[in-house]
PDB file of N, CA and C in Angstrom:
ATOM      1  N   MET A   1     100.110  89.759  90.108  1.00  0.00           N
ATOM      2  CA  MET A   1     101.056  89.946  89.126  1.00  0.00           C
ATOM      3  C   MET A   1     102.267  90.497  89.805  1.00  0.00           C
ATOM      4  N   THR A   2     103.536  90.168  89.328  1.00  0.00           N
ATOM      5  CA  THR A   2     104.771  90.688  89.984  1.00  0.00           C
ATOM      6  C   THR A   2     105.186  91.810  89.223  1.00  0.00           C
ATOM      7  N   THR A   3     106.014  92.665  89.831  1.00  0.00           N
ATOM      8  CA  THR A   3     106.517  93.905  89.160  1.00  0.00           C
ATOM      9  C   THR A   3     107.565  93.618  88.168  1.00  0.00           C
ATOM     10  N   ASP A   4     108.101  92.360  88.083  1.00  0.00           N
ATOM     11  CA  ASP A   4     109.160  92.001  87.030  1.00  0.00           C
ATOM     12  C   ASP A   4     108.408  91.721  85.744  1.00  0.00           C
ATOM     13  N   GLN A   5     107.103  91.602  85.630  1.00  0.00           N
ATOM     14  CA  GLN A   5     106.385  91.255  84.389  1.00  0.00           C
ATOM     15  C   GLN A   5     106.082  92.456  83.491  1.00  0.00           C
ATOM     16  N   PHE A   6     106.515  93.560  83.939  1.00  0.00           N
ATOM     17  CA  PHE A   6     106.118  94.722  83.121  1.00  0.00           C
ATOM     18  C   PHE A   6     107.123  95.174  82.125  1.00  0.00           C
ATOM     19  N   ASN A   7     106.825  95.654  81.059  1.00  0.00           N
ATOM     20  CA  ASN A   7     107.840  96.110  80.085  1.00  0.00           C
ATOM     21  C   ASN A   7     108.212  97.673  80.487  1.00  0.00           C
ATOM     22  N   ALA A   8     109.188  98.152  79.764  1.00  0.00           N
ATOM     23  CA  ALA A   8     109.708  99.413  80.222  1.00  0.00           C
ATOM     24  C   ALA A   8     108.729 100.524  80.169  1.00  0.00           C
ATOM     25  N   ALA A   9     107.736 100.459  79.106  1.00  0.00           N
ATOM     26  CA  ALA A   9     106.675 101.584  78.973  1.00  0.00           C
ATOM     27  C   ALA A   9     105.766 101.432  80.204  1.00  0.00           C
ATOM     28  N   ASP A  10     105.297 100.214  80.600  1.00  0.00           N
ATOM     29  CA  ASP A  10     104.395  99.987  81.672  1.00  0.00           C
ATOM     30  C   ASP A  10     105.027 100.433  82.997  1.00  0.00           C
ATOM     31  N   THR A  11     106.347 100.108  83.247  1.00  0.00           N
ATOM     32  CA  THR A  11     107.058 100.440  84.350  1.00  0.00           C
ATOM     33  C   THR A  11     107.208 102.013  84.564  1.00  0.00           C
ATOM     34  N   SER A  12     107.443 102.630  83.367  1.00  0.00           N
ATOM     35  CA  SER A  12     107.547 104.119  83.293  1.00  0.00           C
ATOM     36  C   SER A  12     106.184 104.708  83.676  1.00  0.00           C
ATOM     37  N   ARG A  13     105.103 104.113  83.268  1.00  0.00           N
ATOM     38  CA  ARG A  13     103.700 104.690  83.432  1.00  0.00           C
ATOM     39  C   ARG A  13     103.412 104.511  84.932  1.00  0.00           C
ATOM     40  N   ILE A  14     103.690 103.346  85.529  1.00  0.00           N
ATOM     41  CA  ILE A  14     103.481 103.011  86.964  1.00  0.00           C
ATOM     42  C   ILE A  14     104.223 104.118  87.903  1.00  0.00           C
ATOM     43  N   ILE A  15     105.468 104.364  87.493  1.00  0.00           N
ATOM     44  CA  ILE A  15     106.265 105.298  88.170  1.00  0.00           C
ATOM     45  C   ILE A  15     105.670 106.743  88.183  1.00  0.00           C
ATOM     46  N   GLU A  16     105.161 107.093  86.978  1.00  0.00           N
ATOM     47  CA  GLU A  16     104.499 108.416  86.672  1.00  0.00           C
ATOM     48  C   GLU A  16     103.356 108.557  87.568  1.00  0.00           C
ATOM     49  N   MET A  17     102.471 107.473  87.511  1.00  0.00           N
ATOM     50  CA  MET A  17     101.225 107.467  88.340  1.00  0.00           C
ATOM     51  C   MET A  17     101.483 107.462  89.847  1.00  0.00           C
ATOM     52  N   ALA A  18     102.576 106.913  90.225  1.00  0.00           N
ATOM     53  CA  ALA A  18     102.984 106.955  91.679  1.00  0.00           C
ATOM     54  C   ALA A  18     103.385 108.308  92.054  1.00  0.00           C
ATOM     55  N   TRP A  19     104.010 109.077  91.180  1.00  0.00           N
ATOM     56  CA  TRP A  19     104.533 110.380  91.494  1.00  0.00           C
ATOM     57  C   TRP A  19     103.367 111.412  91.511  1.00  0.00           C
ATOM     58  N   GLU A  20     102.315 111.092  90.654  1.00  0.00           N
ATOM     59  CA  GLU A  20     101.270 112.060  90.534  1.00  0.00           C
ATOM     60  C   GLU A  20     100.473 112.193  91.889  1.00  0.00           C
ATOM     61  N   ASP A  21     100.333 113.467  92.385  1.00  0.00           N
ATOM     62  CA  ASP A  21      99.628 113.600  93.648  1.00  0.00           C
ATOM     63  C   ASP A  21      98.239 113.081  93.675  1.00  0.00           C
ATOM     64  N   ARG A  22      97.444 113.270  92.684  1.00  0.00           N
ATOM     65  CA  ARG A  22      96.121 112.984  92.680  1.00  0.00           C
ATOM     66  C   ARG A  22      95.767 111.587  92.094  1.00  0.00           C
ATOM     67  N   THR A  23      96.658 110.785  91.768  1.00  0.00           N
ATOM     68  CA  THR A  23      96.462 109.364  91.348  1.00  0.00           C
ATOM     69  C   THR A  23      96.576 108.507  92.492  1.00  0.00           C
ATOM     70  N   PRO A  24      95.448 107.930  92.992  1.00  0.00           N
ATOM     71  CA  PRO A  24      95.460 107.137  94.121  1.00  0.00           C
ATOM     72  C   PRO A  24      96.133 105.666  93.829  1.00  0.00           C
ATOM     73  N   PHE A  25      96.691 105.031  94.813  1.00  0.00           N
ATOM     74  CA  PHE A  25      97.190 103.854  94.694  1.00  0.00           C
ATOM     75  C   PHE A  25      96.130 102.707  94.142  1.00  0.00           C
ATOM     76  N   GLU A  26      94.859 103.014  94.360  1.00  0.00           N
ATOM     77  CA  GLU A  26      93.747 102.119  93.872  1.00  0.00           C
ATOM     78  C   GLU A  26      93.685 102.132  92.282  1.00  0.00           C
ATOM     79  N   ALA A  27      94.066 103.445  91.737  1.00  0.00           N
ATOM     80  CA  ALA A  27      93.986 103.546  90.295  1.00  0.00           C
ATOM     81  C   ALA A  27      95.091 102.766  89.748  1.00  0.00           C
ATOM     82  N   ILE A  28      96.258 102.645  90.375  1.00  0.00           N
ATOM     83  CA  ILE A  28      97.387 101.795  89.872  1.00  0.00           C
ATOM     84  C   ILE A  28      97.014 100.397  89.966  1.00  0.00           C
ATOM     85  N   ALA A  29      96.365  99.954  91.136  1.00  0.00           N
ATOM     86  CA  ALA A  29      95.930  98.642  91.235  1.00  0.00           C
ATOM     87  C   ALA A  29      94.776  98.278  90.196  1.00  0.00           C
ATOM     88  N   ALA A  30      93.950  99.131  89.921  1.00  0.00           N
ATOM     89  CA  ALA A  30      93.016  98.801  88.838  1.00  0.00           C
ATOM     90  C   ALA A  30      93.626  98.678  87.408  1.00  0.00           C
ATOM     91  N   SER A  31      94.635  99.517  87.112  1.00  0.00           N
ATOM     92  CA  SER A  31      95.160  99.509  85.830  1.00  0.00           C
ATOM     93  C   SER A  31      96.264  98.406  85.757  1.00  0.00           C
ATOM     94  N   TYR A  32      96.961  98.079  86.661  1.00  0.00           N
ATOM     95  CA  TYR A  32      98.178  97.243  86.668  1.00  0.00           C
ATOM     96  C   TYR A  32      98.188  96.121  87.638  1.00  0.00           C
ATOM     97  N   GLY A  33      97.210  95.997  88.489  1.00  0.00           N
ATOM     98  CA  GLY A  33      97.074  94.831  89.432  1.00  0.00           C
ATOM     99  C   GLY A  33      98.033  94.851  90.546  1.00  0.00           C
ATOM    100  N   LEU A  34      98.711  96.009  90.873  1.00  0.00           N
ATOM    101  CA  LEU A  34      99.740  96.143  91.947  1.00  0.00           C
ATOM    102  C   LEU A  34      99.069  96.747  93.121  1.00  0.00           C
ATOM    103  N   SER A  35      99.396  96.139  94.309  1.00  0.00           N
ATOM    104  CA  SER A  35      99.035  96.707  95.547  1.00  0.00           C
ATOM    105  C   SER A  35      99.967  97.882  95.905  1.00  0.00           C
ATOM    106  N   GLU A  36      99.570  98.607  96.951  1.00  0.00           N
ATOM    107  CA  GLU A  36     100.382  99.671  97.371  1.00  0.00           C
ATOM    108  C   GLU A  36     101.829  99.232  97.797  1.00  0.00           C
ATOM    109  N   ALA A  37     101.931  98.108  98.430  1.00  0.00           N
ATOM    110  CA  ALA A  37     103.271  97.521  98.877  1.00  0.00           C
ATOM    111  C   ALA A  37     104.038  97.138  97.544  1.00  0.00           C
ATOM    112  N   GLN A  38     103.339  96.652  96.560  1.00  0.00           N
ATOM    113  CA  GLN A  38     104.088  96.329  95.358  1.00  0.00           C
ATOM    114  C   GLN A  38     104.654  97.596  94.625  1.00  0.00           C
ATOM    115  N   VAL A  39     103.769  98.670  94.649  1.00  0.00           N
ATOM    116  CA  VAL A  39     104.197  99.911  94.130  1.00  0.00           C
ATOM    117  C   VAL A  39     105.407 100.421  94.743  1.00  0.00           C
ATOM    118  N   ILE A  40     105.399 100.451  96.089  1.00  0.00           N
ATOM    119  CA  ILE A  40     106.513 100.809  96.887  1.00  0.00           C
ATOM    120  C   ILE A  40     107.764 100.068  96.555  1.00  0.00           C
ATOM    121  N   ALA A  41     107.695  98.717  96.475  1.00  0.00           N
ATOM    122  CA  ALA A  41     108.690  97.882  96.143  1.00  0.00           C
ATOM    123  C   ALA A  41     109.274  98.282  94.741  1.00  0.00           C
ATOM    124  N   LEU A  42     108.370  98.398  93.756  1.00  0.00           N
ATOM    125  CA  LEU A  42     108.831  98.779  92.428  1.00  0.00           C
ATOM    126  C   LEU A  42     109.594 100.121  92.495  1.00  0.00           C
ATOM    127  N   MET A  43     108.981 101.072  93.110  1.00  0.00           N
ATOM    128  CA  MET A  43     109.746 102.398  93.232  1.00  0.00           C
ATOM    129  C   MET A  43     111.131 102.308  93.928  1.00  0.00           C
ATOM    130  N   ARG A  44     111.188 101.423  94.877  1.00  0.00           N
ATOM    131  CA  ARG A  44     112.409 101.307  95.648  1.00  0.00           C
ATOM    132  C   ARG A  44     113.537 100.683  94.721  1.00  0.00           C
ATOM    133  N   ARG A  45     113.119  99.799  93.829  1.00  0.00           N
ATOM    134  CA  ARG A  45     114.031  99.100  92.868  1.00  0.00           C
ATOM    135  C   ARG A  45     114.365 100.055  91.712  1.00  0.00           C
ATOM    136  N   GLN A  46     113.385 100.855  91.236  1.00  0.00           N
ATOM    137  CA  GLN A  46     113.592 101.613  90.034  1.00  0.00           C
ATOM    138  C   GLN A  46     114.278 103.015  90.177  1.00  0.00           C
ATOM    139  N   LEU A  47     113.997 103.592  91.405  1.00  0.00           N
ATOM    140  CA  LEU A  47     114.488 104.941  91.643  1.00  0.00           C
ATOM    141  C   LEU A  47     115.871 104.917  92.366  1.00  0.00           C
ATOM    142  N   LYS A  48     116.610 105.958  92.265  1.00  0.00           N
ATOM    143  CA  LYS A  48     117.794 106.106  93.081  1.00  0.00           C
ATOM    144  C   LYS A  48     117.275 106.278  94.519  1.00  0.00           C
ATOM    145  N   THR A  49     118.163 105.999  95.438  1.00  0.00           N
ATOM    146  CA  THR A  49     117.842 106.021  96.871  1.00  0.00           C
ATOM    147  C   THR A  49     117.274 107.395  97.322  1.00  0.00           C
ATOM    148  N   SER A  50     117.923 108.453  96.960  1.00  0.00           N
ATOM    149  CA  SER A  50     117.471 109.872  97.214  1.00  0.00           C
ATOM    150  C   SER A  50     116.101 110.179  96.640  1.00  0.00           C
ATOM    151  N   ALA A  51     115.897 109.736  95.391  1.00  0.00           N
ATOM    152  CA  ALA A  51     114.523 109.994  94.754  1.00  0.00           C
ATOM    153  C   ALA A  51     113.486 109.131  95.454  1.00  0.00           C
ATOM    154  N   PHE A  52     113.795 107.908  95.822  1.00  0.00           N
ATOM    155  CA  PHE A  52     112.812 107.062  96.501  1.00  0.00           C
ATOM    156  C   PHE A  52     112.479 107.621  97.857  1.00  0.00           C
ATOM    157  N   LYS A  53     113.435 108.214  98.645  1.00  0.00           N
ATOM    158  CA  LYS A  53     113.130 108.746  99.880  1.00  0.00           C
ATOM    159  C   LYS A  53     112.279 110.027  99.726  1.00  0.00           C
ATOM    160  N   ARG A  54     112.550 110.793  98.714  1.00  0.00           N
ATOM    161  CA  ARG A  54     111.682 111.995  98.415  1.00  0.00           C
ATOM    162  C   ARG A  54     110.286 111.613  98.041  1.00  0.00           C
ATOM    163  N   TRP A  55     110.112 110.555  97.282  1.00  0.00           N
ATOM    164  CA  TRP A  55     108.843 110.096  96.882  1.00  0.00           C
ATOM    165  C   TRP A  55     108.036 109.618  98.140  1.00  0.00           C
ATOM    166  N   ARG A  56     108.696 108.809  98.997  1.00  0.00           N
ATOM    167  CA  ARG A  56     108.044 108.307 100.100  1.00  0.00           C
ATOM    168  C   ARG A  56     107.587 109.359 101.041  1.00  0.00           C
ATOM    169  N   ALA A  57     108.453 110.389 101.280  1.00  0.00           N
ATOM    170  CA  ALA A  57     108.148 111.449 102.142  1.00  0.00           C
ATOM    171  C   ALA A  57     106.964 112.276 101.545  1.00  0.00           C
ATOM    172  N   ARG A  58     106.891 112.355 100.157  1.00  0.00           N
ATOM    173  CA  ARG A  58     105.848 113.045  99.561  1.00  0.00           C
ATOM    174  C   ARG A  58     104.490 112.312  99.686  1.00  0.00           C
ATOM    175  N   VAL A  59     104.444 111.024  99.470  1.00  0.00           N
ATOM    176  CA  VAL A  59     103.215 110.340  99.503  1.00  0.00           C
ATOM    177  C   VAL A  59     102.761 109.773 100.879  1.00  0.00           C
ATOM    178  N   SER A  60     103.627 109.630 101.767  1.00  0.00           N
ATOM    179  CA  SER A  60     103.194 109.167 103.081  1.00  0.00           C
ATOM    180  C   SER A  60     102.259 110.177 103.766  1.00  0.00           C
ATOM    181  N   GLY A  61     101.049 109.645 104.086  1.00  0.00           N
ATOM    182  CA  GLY A  61     100.038 110.394 104.699  1.00  0.00           C
ATOM    183  C   GLY A  61      99.204 111.389 103.720  1.00  0.00           C
ATOM    184  N   ARG A  62      99.593 111.361 102.527  1.00  0.00           N
ATOM    185  CA  ARG A  62      98.887 112.238 101.475  1.00  0.00           C
ATOM    186  C   ARG A  62      97.512 111.647 101.269  1.00  0.00           C
ATOM    187  N   VAL A  63      96.553 112.530 101.593  1.00  0.00           N
ATOM    188  CA  VAL A  63      95.214 112.098 101.476  1.00  0.00           C
ATOM    189  C   VAL A  63      94.702 111.656 100.002  1.00  0.00           C
ATOM    190  N   THR A  64      95.288 112.308  99.119  1.00  0.00           N
ATOM    191  CA  THR A  64      94.919 112.100  97.728  1.00  0.00           C
ATOM    192  C   THR A  64      95.437 110.878  97.062  1.00  0.00           C
ATOM    193  N   LYS A  65      96.418 110.124  97.726  1.00  0.00           N
ATOM    194  CA  LYS A  65      96.977 108.854  97.310  1.00  0.00           C
ATOM    195  C   LYS A  65      96.191 107.716  97.725  1.00  0.00           C
ATOM    196  N   HIS A  66      95.097 107.896  98.607  1.00  0.00           N
ATOM    197  CA  HIS A  66      94.203 106.780  99.059  1.00  0.00           C
ATOM    198  C   HIS A  66      92.790 107.090  98.746  1.00  0.00           C
ATOM    199  N   GLN A  67      92.164 106.358  97.956  1.00  0.00           N
ATOM    200  CA  GLN A  67      90.767 106.518  97.616  1.00  0.00           C
ATOM    201  C   GLN A  67      89.878 106.607  98.869  1.00  0.00           C
ATOM    202  N   SER A  68      90.056 105.853  99.812  1.00  0.00           N
ATOM    203  CA  SER A  68      89.207 105.915 100.953  1.00  0.00           C
ATOM    204  C   SER A  68      89.268 107.180 101.835  1.00  0.00           C
ATOM    205  N   LYS A  69      90.482 107.967 101.721  1.00  0.00           N
ATOM    206  CA  LYS A  69      90.695 109.137 102.428  1.00  0.00           C
ATOM    207  C   LYS A  69      90.365 110.353 101.628  1.00  0.00           C
ATOM    208  N   ARG A  70      90.054 110.137 100.399  1.00  0.00           N
ATOM    209  CA  ARG A  70      89.702 111.348  99.569  1.00  0.00           C
ATOM    210  C   ARG A  70      88.284 111.886  99.856  1.00  0.00           C
ATOM    211  N   PRO A  71      88.107 113.144  99.632  1.00  0.00           N
ATOM    212  CA  PRO A  71      86.654 113.627  99.693  1.00  0.00           C
ATOM    213  C   PRO A  71      85.711 112.893  98.718  1.00  0.00           C
ATOM    214  N   LYS A  72      84.637 112.578  99.139  1.00  0.00           N
ATOM    215  CA  LYS A  72      83.701 111.834  98.369  1.00  0.00           C
ATOM    216  C   LYS A  72      83.305 112.484  97.001  1.00  0.00           C
ATOM    217  N   ASP A  73      83.399 113.748  96.851  1.00  0.00           N
ATOM    218  CA  ASP A  73      83.037 114.402  95.546  1.00  0.00           C
ATOM    219  C   ASP A  73      84.139 114.268  94.470  1.00  0.00           C
ATOM    220  N   ILE A  74      85.320 113.749  94.879  1.00  0.00           N
ATOM    221  CA  ILE A  74      86.390 113.585  93.889  1.00  0.00           C
ATOM    222  C   ILE A  74      86.216 112.083  93.294  1.00  0.00           C
ATOM    223  N   LEU A  75      85.799 111.894  92.168  1.00  0.00           N
ATOM    224  CA  LEU A  75      85.512 110.519  91.598  1.00  0.00           C
ATOM    225  C   LEU A  75      86.736 110.203  90.602  1.00  0.00           C
ATOM    226  N   ARG A  76      87.454 111.135  90.107  1.00  0.00           N
ATOM    227  CA  ARG A  76      88.412 110.806  89.106  1.00  0.00           C
ATOM    228  C   ARG A  76      89.761 110.318  89.831  1.00  0.00           C
ATOM    229  N   GLY A  77      90.546 109.699  89.003  1.00  0.00           N
ATOM    230  CA  GLY A  77      91.930 109.231  89.632  1.00  0.00           C
ATOM    231  C   GLY A  77      93.073 109.981  89.156  1.00  0.00           C
ATOM    232  N   TYR A  78      92.830 111.276  88.692  1.00  0.00           N
ATOM    233  CA  TYR A  78      93.925 112.103  88.181  1.00  0.00           C
ATOM    234  C   TYR A  78      93.373 113.631  88.295  1.00  0.00           C
ATOM    235  N   CYS A  79      94.318 114.554  88.162  1.00  0.00           N
ATOM    236  CA  CYS A  79      93.867 115.920  88.220  1.00  0.00           C
ATOM    237  C   CYS A  79      93.009 116.321  86.943  1.00  0.00           C
ATOM    238  N   SER A  80      92.018 117.165  87.112  1.00  0.00           N
ATOM    239  CA  SER A  80      91.168 117.474  86.052  1.00  0.00           C
ATOM    240  C   SER A  80      91.792 118.187  84.892  1.00  0.00           C
ATOM    241  N   THR A  81      92.943 118.773  85.162  1.00  0.00           N
ATOM    242  CA  THR A  81      93.683 119.471  84.157  1.00  0.00           C
ATOM    243  C   THR A  81      94.791 118.604  83.516  1.00  0.00           C
ATOM    244  N   GLN A  82      94.980 117.412  84.009  1.00  0.00           N
ATOM    245  CA  GLN A  82      96.111 116.608  83.576  1.00  0.00           C
ATOM    246  C   GLN A  82      96.028 116.122  82.067  1.00  0.00           C
ATOM    247  N   TYR A  83      94.992 115.796  81.692  1.00  0.00           N
ATOM    248  CA  TYR A  83      94.854 115.175  80.285  1.00  0.00           C
ATOM    249  C   TYR A  83      94.054 116.176  79.437  1.00  0.00           C
ATOM    250  N   LYS A  84      94.714 117.214  79.053  1.00  0.00           N
ATOM    251  CA  LYS A  84      94.009 118.246  78.143  1.00  0.00           C
ATOM    252  C   LYS A  84      94.301 117.842  76.668  1.00  0.00           C
ATOM    253  N   LEU A  85      93.310 118.035  75.844  1.00  0.00           N
ATOM    254  CA  LEU A  85      93.553 117.773  74.393  1.00  0.00           C
ATOM    255  C   LEU A  85      94.256 119.009  73.772  1.00  0.00           C
ATOM    256  N   ARG A  86      95.187 118.750  72.836  1.00  0.00           N
ATOM    257  CA  ARG A  86      95.878 119.805  72.269  1.00  0.00           C
ATOM    258  C   ARG A  86      95.233 120.101  71.016  1.00  0.00           C
ATOM    259  N   SER A  87      95.103 121.447  70.624  1.00  0.00           N
ATOM    260  CA  SER A  87      94.444 121.846  69.356  1.00  0.00           C
ATOM    261  C   SER A  87      95.438 122.246  68.328  1.00  0.00           C
TER     262      SER A  87
END
């Protein structure tokens, strides 16, 4: 799937997932079929240059962005407090 095939809502969600520290690239691949390289290309196109550079510096080498580098006891693709139900 190419990154041009997503609507605005999906593109926004992919960007959100890419910025999240504990959402691995594999979770984006499972949800949207994009490889890490495709996510990087999408971020480069969608973000301002300064924001893209901040994002790349943030995720480069970050253990939590790659499933294979994460501790084996973390099975979720997001922070445990990320999706709280509101009462």
